[in-house]
Amino acid sequence: MSSKDDDDLTRVLDGWTPDGARIGATQRQDLPPDAEIRVGEPEIDWALAGEAVLLHEPGLRDFQLKELRALVEAEKLANCDRLNAAYKLPASGQPIERI
């Protein structure tokens, strides 16, 4: 990547992120020049964390398993609802639109 390309990418990153410096040079070199990058606040995926615990913690008791499975399912549904609320279904054959 040339110095000019790096400067152009930095300008793009600065426009898309609160702090363009969050994305290091090693990460930027692997991106296509027209990549749109949006860095948001980190969010914990509680469904994924719960599934990891279910898979890797053999000592859970029955009531813990039951409640953790309920949490995982509730978090998955909440994630789907949150994502679906941001988009609207178009007429048949048209692309999905972001609200």
PDB file of N, CA and C in Angstrom:
ATOM      1  N   MET A   1       0.853  -1.173   0.000  1.00  0.00           N
ATOM      2  CA  MET A   1       0.000   0.000   0.000  1.00  0.00           C
ATOM      3  C   MET A   1       0.900   1.238   0.000  1.00  0.00           C
ATOM      4  N   SER A   2       0.639   2.153  -0.885  1.00  0.00           N
ATOM      5  CA  SER A   2       1.462   3.357  -0.971  1.00  0.00           C
ATOM      6  C   SER A   2       1.085   4.336   0.126  1.00  0.00           C
ATOM      7  N   SER A   3       1.946   5.312   0.326  1.00  0.00           N
ATOM      8  CA  SER A   3       1.685   6.337   1.346  1.00  0.00           C
ATOM      9  C   SER A   3       0.403   7.111   1.025  1.00  0.00           C
ATOM     10  N   LYS A   4       0.180   7.393  -0.271  1.00  0.00           N
ATOM     11  CA  LYS A   4      -1.038   8.110  -0.677  1.00  0.00           C
ATOM     12  C   LYS A   4      -2.276   7.276  -0.347  1.00  0.00           C
ATOM     13  N   ASP A   5      -2.202   5.958  -0.660  1.00  0.00           N
ATOM     14  CA  ASP A   5      -3.334   5.081  -0.346  1.00  0.00           C
ATOM     15  C   ASP A   5      -3.599   5.058   1.153  1.00  0.00           C
ATOM     16  N   ASP A   6      -2.519   5.024   1.937  1.00  0.00           N
ATOM     17  CA  ASP A   6      -2.667   5.008   3.383  1.00  0.00           C
ATOM     18  C   ASP A   6      -3.313   6.300   3.869  1.00  0.00           C
ATOM     19  N   ASP A   7      -2.916   7.433   3.297  1.00  0.00           N
ATOM     20  CA  ASP A   7      -3.518   8.715   3.670  1.00  0.00           C
ATOM     21  C   ASP A   7      -4.995   8.752   3.299  1.00  0.00           C
ATOM     22  N   ASP A   8      -5.330   8.247   2.102  1.00  0.00           N
ATOM     23  CA  ASP A   8      -6.728   8.201   1.676  1.00  0.00           C
ATOM     24  C   ASP A   8      -7.558   7.333   2.602  1.00  0.00           C
ATOM     25  N   LEU A   9      -7.015   6.175   2.973  1.00  0.00           N
ATOM     26  CA  LEU A   9      -7.732   5.270   3.851  1.00  0.00           C
ATOM     27  C   LEU A   9      -7.910   5.888   5.226  1.00  0.00           C
ATOM     28  N   THR A  10      -6.907   6.569   5.725  1.00  0.00           N
ATOM     29  CA  THR A  10      -7.016   7.232   7.023  1.00  0.00           C
ATOM     30  C   THR A  10      -8.120   8.274   6.991  1.00  0.00           C
ATOM     31  N   ARG A  11      -8.218   9.038   5.890  1.00  0.00           N
ATOM     32  CA  ARG A  11      -9.285  10.029   5.758  1.00  0.00           C
ATOM     33  C   ARG A  11     -10.651   9.348   5.789  1.00  0.00           C
ATOM     34  N   VAL A  12     -10.771   8.226   5.093  1.00  0.00           N
ATOM     35  CA  VAL A  12     -12.038   7.493   5.077  1.00  0.00           C
ATOM     36  C   VAL A  12     -12.361   6.985   6.477  1.00  0.00           C
ATOM     37  N   LEU A  13     -11.363   6.398   7.124  1.00  0.00           N
ATOM     38  CA  LEU A  13     -11.593   5.868   8.467  1.00  0.00           C
ATOM     39  C   LEU A  13     -11.964   6.972   9.444  1.00  0.00           C
ATOM     40  N   ASP A  14     -11.312   8.112   9.331  1.00  0.00           N
ATOM     41  CA  ASP A  14     -11.642   9.221  10.218  1.00  0.00           C
ATOM     42  C   ASP A  14     -13.079   9.682  10.021  1.00  0.00           C
ATOM     43  N   GLY A  15     -13.590   9.559   8.795  1.00  0.00           N
ATOM     44  CA  GLY A  15     -14.973   9.951   8.541  1.00  0.00           C
ATOM     45  C   GLY A  15     -15.986   8.947   9.047  1.00  0.00           C
ATOM     46  N   TRP A  16     -15.604   7.680   9.166  1.00  0.00           N
ATOM     47  CA  TRP A  16     -16.553   6.639   9.554  1.00  0.00           C
ATOM     48  C   TRP A  16     -16.500   6.289  11.031  1.00  0.00           C
ATOM     49  N   THR A  17     -15.385   6.585  11.676  1.00  0.00           N
ATOM     50  CA  THR A  17     -15.237   6.170  13.063  1.00  0.00           C
ATOM     51  C   THR A  17     -15.042   7.375  13.960  1.00  0.00           C
ATOM     52  N   PRO A  18     -15.424   7.239  15.225  1.00  0.00           N
ATOM     53  CA  PRO A  18     -15.137   8.330  16.163  1.00  0.00           C
ATOM     54  C   PRO A  18     -13.634   8.541  16.312  1.00  0.00           C
ATOM     55  N   ASP A  19     -12.873   7.490  16.141  1.00  0.00           N
ATOM     56  CA  ASP A  19     -11.425   7.574  16.282  1.00  0.00           C
ATOM     57  C   ASP A  19     -10.807   6.648  15.245  1.00  0.00           C
ATOM     58  N   GLY A  20     -10.422   7.196  14.098  1.00  0.00           N
ATOM     59  CA  GLY A  20      -9.886   6.390  13.018  1.00  0.00           C
ATOM     60  C   GLY A  20      -8.641   5.614  13.410  1.00  0.00           C
ATOM     61  N   ALA A  21      -7.966   6.038  14.458  1.00  0.00           N
ATOM     62  CA  ALA A  21      -6.749   5.360  14.876  1.00  0.00           C
ATOM     63  C   ALA A  21      -7.030   4.012  15.539  1.00  0.00           C
ATOM     64  N   ARG A  22      -8.279   3.731  15.837  1.00  0.00           N
ATOM     65  CA  ARG A  22      -8.597   2.440  16.462  1.00  0.00           C
ATOM     66  C   ARG A  22      -8.248   1.266  15.548  1.00  0.00           C
ATOM     67  N   ILE A  23      -8.241   1.503  14.267  1.00  0.00           N
ATOM     68  CA  ILE A  23      -7.946   0.437  13.324  1.00  0.00           C
ATOM     69  C   ILE A  23      -6.482   0.562  12.948  1.00  0.00           C
ATOM     70  N   GLY A  24      -5.687  -0.408  13.364  1.00  0.00           N
ATOM     71  CA  GLY A  24      -4.247  -0.346  13.161  1.00  0.00           C
ATOM     72  C   GLY A  24      -3.840  -0.562  11.728  1.00  0.00           C
ATOM     73  N   ALA A  25      -2.609  -0.224  11.433  1.00  0.00           N
ATOM     74  CA  ALA A  25      -2.094  -0.341  10.070  1.00  0.00           C
ATOM     75  C   ALA A  25      -2.125  -1.778   9.583  1.00  0.00           C
ATOM     76  N   THR A  26      -1.864  -2.731  10.458  1.00  0.00           N
ATOM     77  CA  THR A  26      -1.876  -4.129  10.017  1.00  0.00           C
ATOM     78  C   THR A  26      -3.274  -4.555   9.611  1.00  0.00           C
ATOM     79  N   GLN A  27      -4.287  -4.035  10.259  1.00  0.00           N
ATOM     80  CA  GLN A  27      -5.657  -4.365   9.874  1.00  0.00           C
ATOM     81  C   GLN A  27      -6.030  -3.665   8.572  1.00  0.00           C
ATOM     82  N   ARG A  28      -5.593  -2.442   8.392  1.00  0.00           N
ATOM     83  CA  ARG A  28      -5.952  -1.673   7.205  1.00  0.00           C
ATOM     84  C   ARG A  28      -5.341  -2.247   5.936  1.00  0.00           C
ATOM     85  N   GLN A  29      -4.160  -2.817   6.018  1.00  0.00           N
ATOM     86  CA  GLN A  29      -3.498  -3.300   4.803  1.00  0.00           C
ATOM     87  C   GLN A  29      -4.234  -4.475   4.190  1.00  0.00           C
ATOM     88  N   ASP A  30      -5.040  -5.174   4.961  1.00  0.00           N
ATOM     89  CA  ASP A  30      -5.786  -6.319   4.442  1.00  0.00           C
ATOM     90  C   ASP A  30      -7.131  -5.931   3.844  1.00  0.00           C
ATOM     91  N   LEU A  31      -7.490  -4.674   3.921  1.00  0.00           N
ATOM     92  CA  LEU A  31      -8.793  -4.228   3.453  1.00  0.00           C
ATOM     93  C   LEU A  31      -8.730  -3.711   2.026  1.00  0.00           C
ATOM     94  N   PRO A  32      -9.806  -3.940   1.268  1.00  0.00           N
ATOM     95  CA  PRO A  32      -9.841  -3.317  -0.057  1.00  0.00           C
ATOM     96  C   PRO A  32      -9.949  -1.801   0.096  1.00  0.00           C
ATOM     97  N   PRO A  33      -9.446  -1.055  -0.869  1.00  0.00           N
ATOM     98  CA  PRO A  33      -9.422   0.403  -0.752  1.00  0.00           C
ATOM     99  C   PRO A  33     -10.808   1.030  -0.574  1.00  0.00           C
ATOM    100  N   ASP A  34     -11.858   0.394  -1.079  1.00  0.00           N
ATOM    101  CA  ASP A  34     -13.189   0.988  -0.983  1.00  0.00           C
ATOM    102  C   ASP A  34     -14.007   0.401   0.168  1.00  0.00           C
ATOM    103  N   ALA A  35     -13.342  -0.258   1.107  1.00  0.00           N
ATOM    104  CA  ALA A  35     -14.056  -0.877   2.234  1.00  0.00           C
ATOM    105  C   ALA A  35     -14.695   0.196   3.104  1.00  0.00           C
ATOM    106  N   GLU A  36     -15.946  -0.034   3.483  1.00  0.00           N
ATOM    107  CA  GLU A  36     -16.626   0.850   4.419  1.00  0.00           C
ATOM    108  C   GLU A  36     -16.467   0.258   5.813  1.00  0.00           C
ATOM    109  N   ILE A  37     -15.867   1.025   6.687  1.00  0.00           N
ATOM    110  CA  ILE A  37     -15.573   0.522   8.030  1.00  0.00           C
ATOM    111  C   ILE A  37     -16.336   1.360   9.046  1.00  0.00           C
ATOM    112  N   ARG A  38     -17.047   0.666   9.896  1.00  0.00           N
ATOM    113  CA  ARG A  38     -17.765   1.348  10.966  1.00  0.00           C
ATOM    114  C   ARG A  38     -17.396   0.678  12.278  1.00  0.00           C
ATOM    115  N   VAL A  39     -16.790   1.431  13.136  1.00  0.00           N
ATOM    116  CA  VAL A  39     -16.410   0.899  14.436  1.00  0.00           C
ATOM    117  C   VAL A  39     -17.389   1.465  15.451  1.00  0.00           C
ATOM    118  N   GLY A  40     -18.137   0.591  16.075  1.00  0.00           N
ATOM    119  CA  GLY A  40     -19.101   1.027  17.075  1.00  0.00           C
ATOM    120  C   GLY A  40     -18.621   0.674  18.460  1.00  0.00           C
ATOM    121  N   GLU A  41     -19.458   0.972  19.407  1.00  0.00           N
ATOM    122  CA  GLU A  41     -19.148   0.594  20.771  1.00  0.00           C
ATOM    123  C   GLU A  41     -19.216  -0.920  20.883  1.00  0.00           C
ATOM    124  N   PRO A  42     -18.291  -1.514  21.622  1.00  0.00           N
ATOM    125  CA  PRO A  42     -18.323  -2.967  21.757  1.00  0.00           C
ATOM    126  C   PRO A  42     -19.574  -3.416  22.514  1.00  0.00           C
ATOM    127  N   GLU A  43     -20.172  -4.486  22.041  1.00  0.00           N
ATOM    128  CA  GLU A  43     -21.344  -5.058  22.704  1.00  0.00           C
ATOM    129  C   GLU A  43     -21.041  -6.501  23.032  1.00  0.00           C
ATOM    130  N   ILE A  44     -21.486  -6.929  24.171  1.00  0.00           N
ATOM    131  CA  ILE A  44     -21.282  -8.321  24.563  1.00  0.00           C
ATOM    132  C   ILE A  44     -22.421  -9.143  23.999  1.00  0.00           C
ATOM    133  N   ASP A  45     -22.090 -10.212  23.332  1.00  0.00           N
ATOM    134  CA  ASP A  45     -23.086 -11.140  22.812  1.00  0.00           C
ATOM    135  C   ASP A  45     -23.357 -12.166  23.912  1.00  0.00           C
ATOM    136  N   TRP A  46     -24.371 -11.891  24.727  1.00  0.00           N
ATOM    137  CA  TRP A  46     -24.654 -12.737  25.879  1.00  0.00           C
ATOM    138  C   TRP A  46     -25.123 -14.121  25.450  1.00  0.00           C
ATOM    139  N   ALA A  47     -25.756 -14.235  24.294  1.00  0.00           N
ATOM    140  CA  ALA A  47     -26.162 -15.547  23.797  1.00  0.00           C
ATOM    141  C   ALA A  47     -24.925 -16.395  23.509  1.00  0.00           C
ATOM    142  N   LEU A  48     -23.947 -15.805  22.856  1.00  0.00           N
ATOM    143  CA  LEU A  48     -22.712 -16.523  22.547  1.00  0.00           C
ATOM    144  C   LEU A  48     -21.955 -16.877  23.826  1.00  0.00           C
ATOM    145  N   ALA A  49     -21.889 -15.937  24.760  1.00  0.00           N
ATOM    146  CA  ALA A  49     -21.211 -16.204  26.030  1.00  0.00           C
ATOM    147  C   ALA A  49     -21.902 -17.339  26.778  1.00  0.00           C
ATOM    148  N   GLY A  50     -23.238 -17.322  26.794  1.00  0.00           N
ATOM    149  CA  GLY A  50     -23.984 -18.383  27.458  1.00  0.00           C
ATOM    150  C   GLY A  50     -23.764 -19.734  26.808  1.00  0.00           C
ATOM    151  N   GLU A  51     -23.731 -19.751  25.475  1.00  0.00           N
ATOM    152  CA  GLU A  51     -23.477 -21.011  24.775  1.00  0.00           C
ATOM    153  C   GLU A  51     -22.075 -21.543  25.076  1.00  0.00           C
ATOM    154  N   ALA A  52     -21.113 -20.649  25.187  1.00  0.00           N
ATOM    155  CA  ALA A  52     -19.754 -21.067  25.524  1.00  0.00           C
ATOM    156  C   ALA A  52     -19.723 -21.705  26.913  1.00  0.00           C
ATOM    157  N   VAL A  53     -20.437 -21.102  27.852  1.00  0.00           N
ATOM    158  CA  VAL A  53     -20.494 -21.671  29.201  1.00  0.00           C
ATOM    159  C   VAL A  53     -21.167 -23.038  29.167  1.00  0.00           C
ATOM    160  N   LEU A  54     -22.269 -23.142  28.427  1.00  0.00           N
ATOM    161  CA  LEU A  54     -22.962 -24.434  28.328  1.00  0.00           C
ATOM    162  C   LEU A  54     -22.047 -25.523  27.767  1.00  0.00           C
ATOM    163  N   LEU A  55     -21.226 -25.162  26.801  1.00  0.00           N
ATOM    164  CA  LEU A  55     -20.342 -26.145  26.172  1.00  0.00           C
ATOM    165  C   LEU A  55     -19.123 -26.510  27.011  1.00  0.00           C
ATOM    166  N   HIS A  56     -18.646 -25.566  27.810  1.00  0.00           N
ATOM    167  CA  HIS A  56     -17.349 -25.763  28.447  1.00  0.00           C
ATOM    168  C   HIS A  56     -17.390 -25.857  29.965  1.00  0.00           C
ATOM    169  N   GLU A  57     -18.559 -25.825  30.551  1.00  0.00           N
ATOM    170  CA  GLU A  57     -18.653 -25.914  32.004  1.00  0.00           C
ATOM    171  C   GLU A  57     -19.450 -27.161  32.374  1.00  0.00           C
ATOM    172  N   PRO A  58     -18.761 -28.279  32.555  1.00  0.00           N
ATOM    173  CA  PRO A  58     -19.467 -29.537  32.805  1.00  0.00           C
ATOM    174  C   PRO A  58     -20.115 -29.631  34.185  1.00  0.00           C
ATOM    175  N   GLY A  59     -19.734 -28.770  35.102  1.00  0.00           N
ATOM    176  CA  GLY A  59     -20.236 -28.883  36.466  1.00  0.00           C
ATOM    177  C   GLY A  59     -21.540 -28.144  36.752  1.00  0.00           C
ATOM    178  N   LEU A  60     -22.208 -27.654  35.731  1.00  0.00           N
ATOM    179  CA  LEU A  60     -23.459 -26.921  35.965  1.00  0.00           C
ATOM    180  C   LEU A  60     -24.544 -27.857  36.468  1.00  0.00           C
ATOM    181  N   ARG A  61     -25.316 -27.369  37.416  1.00  0.00           N
ATOM    182  CA  ARG A  61     -26.436 -28.151  37.944  1.00  0.00           C
ATOM    183  C   ARG A  61     -27.639 -27.979  37.019  1.00  0.00           C
ATOM    184  N   ASP A  62     -28.634 -28.835  37.214  1.00  0.00           N
ATOM    185  CA  ASP A  62     -29.817 -28.823  36.342  1.00  0.00           C
ATOM    186  C   ASP A  62     -30.492 -27.457  36.307  1.00  0.00           C
ATOM    187  N   PHE A  63     -30.683 -26.826  37.467  1.00  0.00           N
ATOM    188  CA  PHE A  63     -31.349 -25.518  37.478  1.00  0.00           C
ATOM    189  C   PHE A  63     -30.502 -24.462  36.784  1.00  0.00           C
ATOM    190  N   GLN A  64     -29.173 -24.571  36.868  1.00  0.00           N
ATOM    191  CA  GLN A  64     -28.289 -23.632  36.178  1.00  0.00           C
ATOM    192  C   GLN A  64     -28.364 -23.828  34.667  1.00  0.00           C
ATOM    193  N   LEU A  65     -28.374 -25.083  34.252  1.00  0.00           N
ATOM    194  CA  LEU A  65     -28.518 -25.382  32.823  1.00  0.00           C
ATOM    195  C   LEU A  65     -29.825 -24.833  32.281  1.00  0.00           C
ATOM    196  N   LYS A  66     -30.909 -25.058  33.021  1.00  0.00           N
ATOM    197  CA  LYS A  66     -32.230 -24.593  32.583  1.00  0.00           C
ATOM    198  C   LYS A  66     -32.258 -23.079  32.427  1.00  0.00           C
ATOM    199  N   GLU A  67     -31.776 -22.367  33.439  1.00  0.00           N
ATOM    200  CA  GLU A  67     -31.803 -20.902  33.394  1.00  0.00           C
ATOM    201  C   GLU A  67     -30.838 -20.344  32.346  1.00  0.00           C
ATOM    202  N   LEU A  68     -29.687 -20.958  32.193  1.00  0.00           N
ATOM    203  CA  LEU A  68     -28.732 -20.485  31.193  1.00  0.00           C
ATOM    204  C   LEU A  68     -29.263 -20.711  29.780  1.00  0.00           C
ATOM    205  N   ARG A  69     -29.906 -21.854  29.554  1.00  0.00           N
ATOM    206  CA  ARG A  69     -30.528 -22.093  28.238  1.00  0.00           C
ATOM    207  C   ARG A  69     -31.634 -21.077  27.976  1.00  0.00           C
ATOM    208  N   ALA A  70     -32.409 -20.743  29.004  1.00  0.00           N
ATOM    209  CA  ALA A  70     -33.468 -19.739  28.844  1.00  0.00           C
ATOM    210  C   ALA A  70     -32.862 -18.371  28.514  1.00  0.00           C
ATOM    211  N   LEU A  71     -31.760 -18.022  29.172  1.00  0.00           N
ATOM    212  CA  LEU A  71     -31.074 -16.753  28.890  1.00  0.00           C
ATOM    213  C   LEU A  71     -30.573 -16.718  27.449  1.00  0.00           C
ATOM    214  N   VAL A  72     -29.943 -17.813  27.015  1.00  0.00           N
ATOM    215  CA  VAL A  72     -29.418 -17.880  25.647  1.00  0.00           C
ATOM    216  C   VAL A  72     -30.548 -17.686  24.643  1.00  0.00           C
ATOM    217  N   GLU A  73     -31.654 -18.380  24.844  1.00  0.00           N
ATOM    218  CA  GLU A  73     -32.787 -18.267  23.912  1.00  0.00           C
ATOM    219  C   GLU A  73     -33.369 -16.853  23.912  1.00  0.00           C
ATOM    220  N   ALA A  74     -33.525 -16.273  25.096  1.00  0.00           N
ATOM    221  CA  ALA A  74     -34.067 -14.906  25.195  1.00  0.00           C
ATOM    222  C   ALA A  74     -33.141 -13.898  24.517  1.00  0.00           C
ATOM    223  N   GLU A  75     -31.844 -14.055  24.682  1.00  0.00           N
ATOM    224  CA  GLU A  75     -30.881 -13.142  24.066  1.00  0.00           C
ATOM    225  C   GLU A  75     -30.883 -13.283  22.543  1.00  0.00           C
ATOM    226  N   LYS A  76     -31.001 -14.504  22.048  1.00  0.00           N
ATOM    227  CA  LYS A  76     -31.077 -14.704  20.601  1.00  0.00           C
ATOM    228  C   LYS A  76     -32.306 -14.011  20.027  1.00  0.00           C
ATOM    229  N   LEU A  77     -33.439 -14.174  20.698  1.00  0.00           N
ATOM    230  CA  LEU A  77     -34.674 -13.521  20.234  1.00  0.00           C
ATOM    231  C   LEU A  77     -34.544 -12.001  20.293  1.00  0.00           C
ATOM    232  N   ALA A  78     -33.960 -11.492  21.370  1.00  0.00           N
ATOM    233  CA  ALA A  78     -33.782 -10.040  21.502  1.00  0.00           C
ATOM    234  C   ALA A  78     -32.860  -9.508  20.406  1.00  0.00           C
ATOM    235  N   ASN A  79     -31.801 -10.244  20.097  1.00  0.00           N
ATOM    236  CA  ASN A  79     -30.891  -9.826  19.012  1.00  0.00           C
ATOM    237  C   ASN A  79     -31.621  -9.785  17.678  1.00  0.00           C
ATOM    238  N   CYS A  80     -32.418 -10.808  17.405  1.00  0.00           N
ATOM    239  CA  CYS A  80     -33.189 -10.836  16.151  1.00  0.00           C
ATOM    240  C   CYS A  80     -34.178  -9.676  16.096  1.00  0.00           C
ATOM    241  N   ASP A  81     -34.871  -9.428  17.187  1.00  0.00           N
ATOM    242  CA  ASP A  81     -35.829  -8.318  17.225  1.00  0.00           C
ATOM    243  C   ASP A  81     -35.132  -6.985  16.985  1.00  0.00           C
ATOM    244  N   ARG A  82     -33.960  -6.793  17.618  1.00  0.00           N
ATOM    245  CA  ARG A  82     -33.222  -5.538  17.461  1.00  0.00           C
ATOM    246  C   ARG A  82     -32.779  -5.353  16.017  1.00  0.00           C
ATOM    247  N   LEU A  83     -32.269  -6.411  15.403  1.00  0.00           N
ATOM    248  CA  LEU A  83     -31.837  -6.316  14.013  1.00  0.00           C
ATOM    249  C   LEU A  83     -33.019  -6.116  13.069  1.00  0.00           C
ATOM    250  N   ASN A  84     -34.098  -6.846  13.290  1.00  0.00           N
ATOM    251  CA  ASN A  84     -35.268  -6.724  12.421  1.00  0.00           C
ATOM    252  C   ASN A  84     -35.917  -5.352  12.525  1.00  0.00           C
ATOM    253  N   ALA A  85     -35.810  -4.708  13.687  1.00  0.00           N
ATOM    254  CA  ALA A  85     -36.392  -3.377  13.859  1.00  0.00           C
ATOM    255  C   ALA A  85     -35.662  -2.327  13.013  1.00  0.00           C
ATOM    256  N   ALA A  86     -34.428  -2.606  12.637  1.00  0.00           N
ATOM    257  CA  ALA A  86     -33.631  -1.638  11.874  1.00  0.00           C
ATOM    258  C   ALA A  86     -33.833  -1.759  10.362  1.00  0.00           C
ATOM    259  N   TYR A  87     -34.587  -2.754   9.929  1.00  0.00           N
ATOM    260  CA  TYR A  87     -34.793  -2.980   8.497  1.00  0.00           C
ATOM    261  C   TYR A  87     -36.272  -3.154   8.196  1.00  0.00           C
ATOM    262  N   LYS A  88     -36.644  -2.873   6.963  1.00  0.00           N
ATOM    263  CA  LYS A  88     -38.030  -3.122   6.575  1.00  0.00           C
ATOM    264  C   LYS A  88     -38.044  -4.056   5.378  1.00  0.00           C
ATOM    265  N   LEU A  89     -39.022  -4.936   5.377  1.00  0.00           N
ATOM    266  CA  LEU A  89     -39.144  -5.871   4.269  1.00  0.00           C
ATOM    267  C   LEU A  89     -39.714  -5.151   3.059  1.00  0.00           C
ATOM    268  N   PRO A  90     -39.056  -5.259   1.945  1.00  0.00           N
ATOM    269  CA  PRO A  90     -39.516  -4.582   0.729  1.00  0.00           C
ATOM    270  C   PRO A  90     -40.558  -5.432  -0.008  1.00  0.00           C
ATOM    271  N   ALA A  91     -41.031  -4.882  -1.090  1.00  0.00           N
ATOM    272  CA  ALA A  91     -41.904  -5.652  -1.974  1.00  0.00           C
ATOM    273  C   ALA A  91     -41.102  -6.829  -2.519  1.00  0.00           C
ATOM    274  N   SER A  92     -41.785  -7.841  -2.944  1.00  0.00           N
ATOM    275  CA  SER A  92     -41.137  -9.050  -3.436  1.00  0.00           C
ATOM    276  C   SER A  92     -40.116  -8.740  -4.528  1.00  0.00           C
ATOM    277  N   GLY A  93     -38.933  -9.317  -4.370  1.00  0.00           N
ATOM    278  CA  GLY A  93     -37.892  -9.154  -5.374  1.00  0.00           C
ATOM    279  C   GLY A  93     -37.029  -7.921  -5.197  1.00  0.00           C
ATOM    280  N   GLN A  94     -37.321  -7.087  -4.213  1.00  0.00           N
ATOM    281  CA  GLN A  94     -36.540  -5.866  -3.966  1.00  0.00           C
ATOM    282  C   GLN A  94     -35.569  -6.113  -2.796  1.00  0.00           C
ATOM    283  N   PRO A  95     -34.492  -5.343  -2.728  1.00  0.00           N
ATOM    284  CA  PRO A  95     -33.547  -5.532  -1.629  1.00  0.00           C
ATOM    285  C   PRO A  95     -34.117  -5.042  -0.294  1.00  0.00           C
ATOM    286  N   ILE A  96     -33.610  -5.610   0.764  1.00  0.00           N
ATOM    287  CA  ILE A  96     -34.000  -5.180   2.123  1.00  0.00           C
ATOM    288  C   ILE A  96     -33.516  -3.755   2.322  1.00  0.00           C
ATOM    289  N   GLU A  97     -34.334  -2.936   2.983  1.00  0.00           N
ATOM    290  CA  GLU A  97     -33.981  -1.541   3.208  1.00  0.00           C
ATOM    291  C   GLU A  97     -33.726  -1.278   4.675  1.00  0.00           C
ATOM    292  N   ARG A  98     -32.675  -0.521   4.944  1.00  0.00           N
ATOM    293  CA  ARG A  98     -32.384  -0.109   6.323  1.00  0.00           C
ATOM    294  C   ARG A  98     -33.249   1.094   6.651  1.00  0.00           C
ATOM    295  N   ILE A  99     -33.873   1.068   7.798  1.00  0.00           N
ATOM    296  CA  ILE A  99     -34.771   2.162   8.217  1.00  0.00           C
ATOM    297  C   ILE A  99     -33.954   3.314   8.757  1.00  0.00           C
TER     298      ILE A  99
END
